[in-house]
Amino acid sequence: MNSKTILGISLAAVFAVSMLGSAYAVGHLVIDGIDVEKSGRNGVNQSVHIDVGATVPAPTGADYGWAVGTLNGGFLVITSHPTIGDDSNAQPPLDAYHTHFLTAEVSGPNCGTDNHATFATKNEVGRLSIMDDMIWVKNVPRGLAGDLTETGFSFTLSTSGGDLCITGVNTFP
């Protein structure tokens, strides 16, 4: 092979990888809006609606999700993490979206500058539904999560040294 062919193949590979990375940076991992409704009997339950930039795909084998902040410093997360593995038999199947209440800290011992999870519920939190570019979680108990806020972020997940690492992709607002 000559150097022009090698350079052309190298540039094509860099372009393909950059397009794959930007596919996560746009589309279903871009949060366009978060709306919280504090309804229910005596205001005990709340619901959240997340608008994203493109149709939410069926879980693809990648580990990612969306988080909505709470006033007590935790997050309601909607996620799929098939390569990380099952977290509980109380959750839907491994290849399905589901919810957790999660707490995290910045710069875990094995996650570098990324956040690492410090606690995650084993049971489904609220009632999740996804249609096109809209995600709803209804009947989220305030006693567990505290008040939801209209702030959040999308993320990818990985593991390192036994820690669950959370890499932010897009924040809202």
Protein backbone atom coordinates (compact mmCIF):
# COMPACT_ATOMS: atom_id res chain seq x y z
CA MET A 1 0.00 0.00 0.00
CA ASN A 2 1.17 3.47 -0.67
CA SER A 3 1.05 6.34 1.82
CA LYS A 4 -1.96 8.01 0.12
CA THR A 5 -4.03 4.83 0.54
CA ILE A 6 -3.00 4.46 4.18
CA LEU A 7 -3.77 8.15 4.82
CA GLY A 8 -7.17 7.78 3.13
CA ILE A 9 -8.06 4.70 5.19
CA SER A 10 -6.89 6.42 8.38
CA LEU A 11 -8.98 9.52 7.69
CA ALA A 12 -12.03 7.36 6.89
CA ALA A 13 -11.59 5.51 10.20
CA VAL A 14 -11.26 8.78 12.16
CA PHE A 15 -14.38 10.14 10.42
CA ALA A 16 -16.37 6.98 11.20
CA VAL A 17 -15.38 7.05 14.87
CA SER A 18 -16.14 10.77 15.17
CA MET A 19 -19.56 10.26 13.58
CA LEU A 20 -20.31 7.43 16.03
CA GLY A 21 -19.34 9.67 18.95
CA SER A 22 -21.43 12.55 17.62
CA ALA A 23 -24.41 10.22 17.22
CA TYR A 24 -24.41 9.98 21.01
CA ALA A 25 -23.87 13.73 21.37
CA VAL A 26 -26.98 14.48 19.32
CA GLY A 27 -30.29 12.78 18.98
CA HIS A 28 -31.71 10.64 21.73
CA LEU A 29 -29.09 11.71 24.30
CA VAL A 30 -29.79 15.42 23.83
CA ILE A 31 -32.35 16.63 26.36
CA ASP A 32 -34.64 19.31 24.91
CA GLY A 33 -36.83 19.71 28.00
CA ILE A 34 -37.75 18.38 31.42
CA ASP A 35 -41.15 19.02 33.00
CA VAL A 36 -42.08 17.91 36.51
CA GLU A 37 -45.66 17.58 37.71
CA LYS A 38 -46.18 17.35 41.47
CA SER A 39 -49.62 15.85 41.60
CA GLY A 40 -51.29 12.99 43.32
CA ARG A 41 -53.03 12.61 46.62
CA ASN A 42 -51.56 15.14 49.06
CA GLY A 43 -48.72 15.73 46.60
CA VAL A 44 -47.09 12.43 47.57
CA ASN A 45 -46.27 11.31 44.03
CA GLN A 46 -44.76 13.23 41.15
CA SER A 47 -44.21 12.66 37.45
CA VAL A 48 -41.53 13.76 35.01
CA HIS A 49 -41.61 14.16 31.23
CA ILE A 50 -38.34 14.34 29.28
CA ASP A 51 -38.20 15.48 25.64
CA VAL A 52 -35.12 14.31 23.75
CA GLY A 53 -33.70 15.30 20.38
CA ALA A 54 -34.62 12.13 18.44
CA THR A 55 -36.62 8.94 18.76
CA VAL A 56 -35.42 6.84 21.68
CA PRO A 57 -34.12 3.62 20.11
CA ALA A 58 -34.80 0.16 21.39
CA PRO A 59 -31.99 -0.73 23.80
CA THR A 60 -29.02 -1.29 21.52
CA GLY A 61 -26.43 -3.09 23.60
CA ALA A 62 -24.95 0.22 24.73
CA ASP A 63 -25.07 1.39 28.36
CA TYR A 64 -26.65 4.85 28.62
CA GLY A 65 -29.55 6.81 30.03
CA TRP A 66 -31.02 10.04 31.31
CA ALA A 67 -31.02 11.52 34.83
CA VAL A 68 -33.34 14.03 36.50
CA GLY A 69 -32.01 15.82 39.56
CA THR A 70 -33.67 15.86 42.97
CA LEU A 71 -33.51 18.50 45.68
CA ASN A 72 -31.84 16.01 48.03
CA GLY A 73 -28.84 15.61 45.70
CA GLY A 74 -29.76 12.31 44.05
CA PHE A 75 -31.11 11.42 40.63
CA LEU A 76 -34.01 9.57 39.10
CA VAL A 77 -32.37 7.67 36.23
CA ILE A 78 -33.86 5.99 33.18
CA THR A 79 -31.33 3.55 31.79
CA SER A 80 -30.44 0.42 29.90
CA HIS A 81 -27.14 -1.31 30.70
CA PRO A 82 -26.99 -4.71 29.00
CA THR A 83 -23.19 -4.97 28.88
CA ILE A 84 -22.82 -4.09 32.58
CA GLY A 85 -25.30 -6.79 33.54
CA ASP A 86 -28.34 -7.32 35.73
CA ASP A 87 -28.66 -5.23 38.84
CA SER A 88 -31.70 -6.97 40.30
CA ASN A 89 -34.28 -9.58 39.51
CA ALA A 90 -36.84 -6.96 40.57
CA GLN A 91 -36.06 -4.96 37.40
CA PRO A 92 -37.32 -5.59 33.85
CA PRO A 93 -35.23 -7.83 31.55
CA LEU A 94 -31.63 -6.87 30.91
CA ASP A 95 -32.36 -5.52 27.43
CA ALA A 96 -35.13 -3.13 28.56
CA TYR A 97 -35.20 0.44 29.84
CA HIS A 98 -35.88 0.77 33.55
CA THR A 99 -35.52 3.27 36.39
CA HIS A 100 -33.46 3.67 39.55
CA PHE A 101 -32.99 6.28 42.21
CA LEU A 102 -29.22 6.88 42.31
CA THR A 103 -26.67 8.90 44.22
CA ALA A 104 -23.20 9.64 42.88
CA GLU A 105 -19.92 11.33 43.74
CA VAL A 106 -17.45 13.12 41.51
CA SER A 107 -14.09 11.53 40.80
CA GLY A 108 -14.46 8.03 42.15
CA PRO A 109 -11.29 6.09 42.93
CA ASN A 110 -11.54 4.14 39.66
CA CYS A 111 -13.50 6.53 37.42
CA GLY A 112 -11.01 9.35 36.90
CA THR A 113 -12.88 12.65 36.54
CA ASP A 114 -16.22 10.93 35.88
CA ASN A 115 -18.87 10.47 38.55
CA HIS A 116 -19.25 7.11 40.23
CA ALA A 117 -22.46 5.66 41.63
CA THR A 118 -22.60 5.38 45.42
CA PHE A 119 -26.14 3.97 45.74
CA ALA A 120 -28.82 2.66 43.35
CA THR A 121 -32.22 1.21 44.18
CA LYS A 122 -32.85 -2.39 43.18
CA ASN A 123 -36.55 -1.90 42.39
CA GLU A 124 -38.26 0.05 39.63
CA VAL A 125 -39.01 3.65 40.66
CA GLY A 126 -42.28 4.96 39.26
CA ARG A 127 -43.97 3.79 36.07
CA LEU A 128 -41.86 4.26 32.91
CA SER A 129 -43.15 4.73 29.38
CA ILE A 130 -41.27 5.78 26.24
CA MET A 131 -42.78 6.85 22.93
CA ASP A 132 -40.79 8.33 20.06
CA ASP A 133 -38.78 11.23 21.54
CA MET A 134 -40.67 11.39 24.84
CA ILE A 135 -39.91 9.68 28.15
CA TRP A 136 -42.38 9.68 31.05
CA VAL A 137 -41.97 8.40 34.57
CA LYS A 138 -45.19 8.63 36.56
CA ASN A 139 -45.93 7.98 40.23
CA VAL A 140 -42.41 8.69 41.50
CA PRO A 141 -42.63 8.64 45.31
CA ARG A 142 -41.30 11.77 46.98
CA GLY A 143 -40.33 9.82 50.09
CA LEU A 144 -37.57 8.03 48.20
CA ALA A 145 -36.31 10.61 45.74
CA GLY A 146 -37.31 13.89 47.29
CA ASP A 147 -38.66 16.59 44.99
CA LEU A 148 -37.65 16.20 41.35
CA THR A 149 -36.18 19.26 39.65
CA GLU A 150 -36.39 20.36 36.03
CA THR A 151 -32.65 19.82 35.55
CA GLY A 152 -30.85 16.75 34.30
CA PHE A 153 -28.33 15.16 32.00
CA SER A 154 -27.82 12.22 29.69
CA PHE A 155 -24.98 9.80 30.29
CA THR A 156 -23.09 6.70 29.29
CA LEU A 157 -22.05 4.00 31.76
CA SER A 158 -18.93 1.91 32.18
CA THR A 159 -17.26 -0.08 34.95
CA SER A 160 -13.76 0.27 36.29
CA GLY A 161 -12.25 -1.52 39.27
CA GLY A 162 -15.69 -2.49 40.56
CA ASP A 163 -17.07 1.07 40.34
CA LEU A 164 -19.98 2.10 38.11
CA CYS A 165 -18.70 5.15 36.21
CA ILE A 166 -21.11 7.78 34.86
CA THR A 167 -19.93 9.96 31.96
CA GLY A 168 -22.11 12.99 31.27
CA VAL A 169 -23.05 13.57 27.62
CA ASN A 170 -25.54 16.44 27.61
CA THR A 171 -26.97 18.65 30.38
CA PHE A 172 -30.30 20.45 30.67
CA PRO A 173 -30.83 23.31 30.93
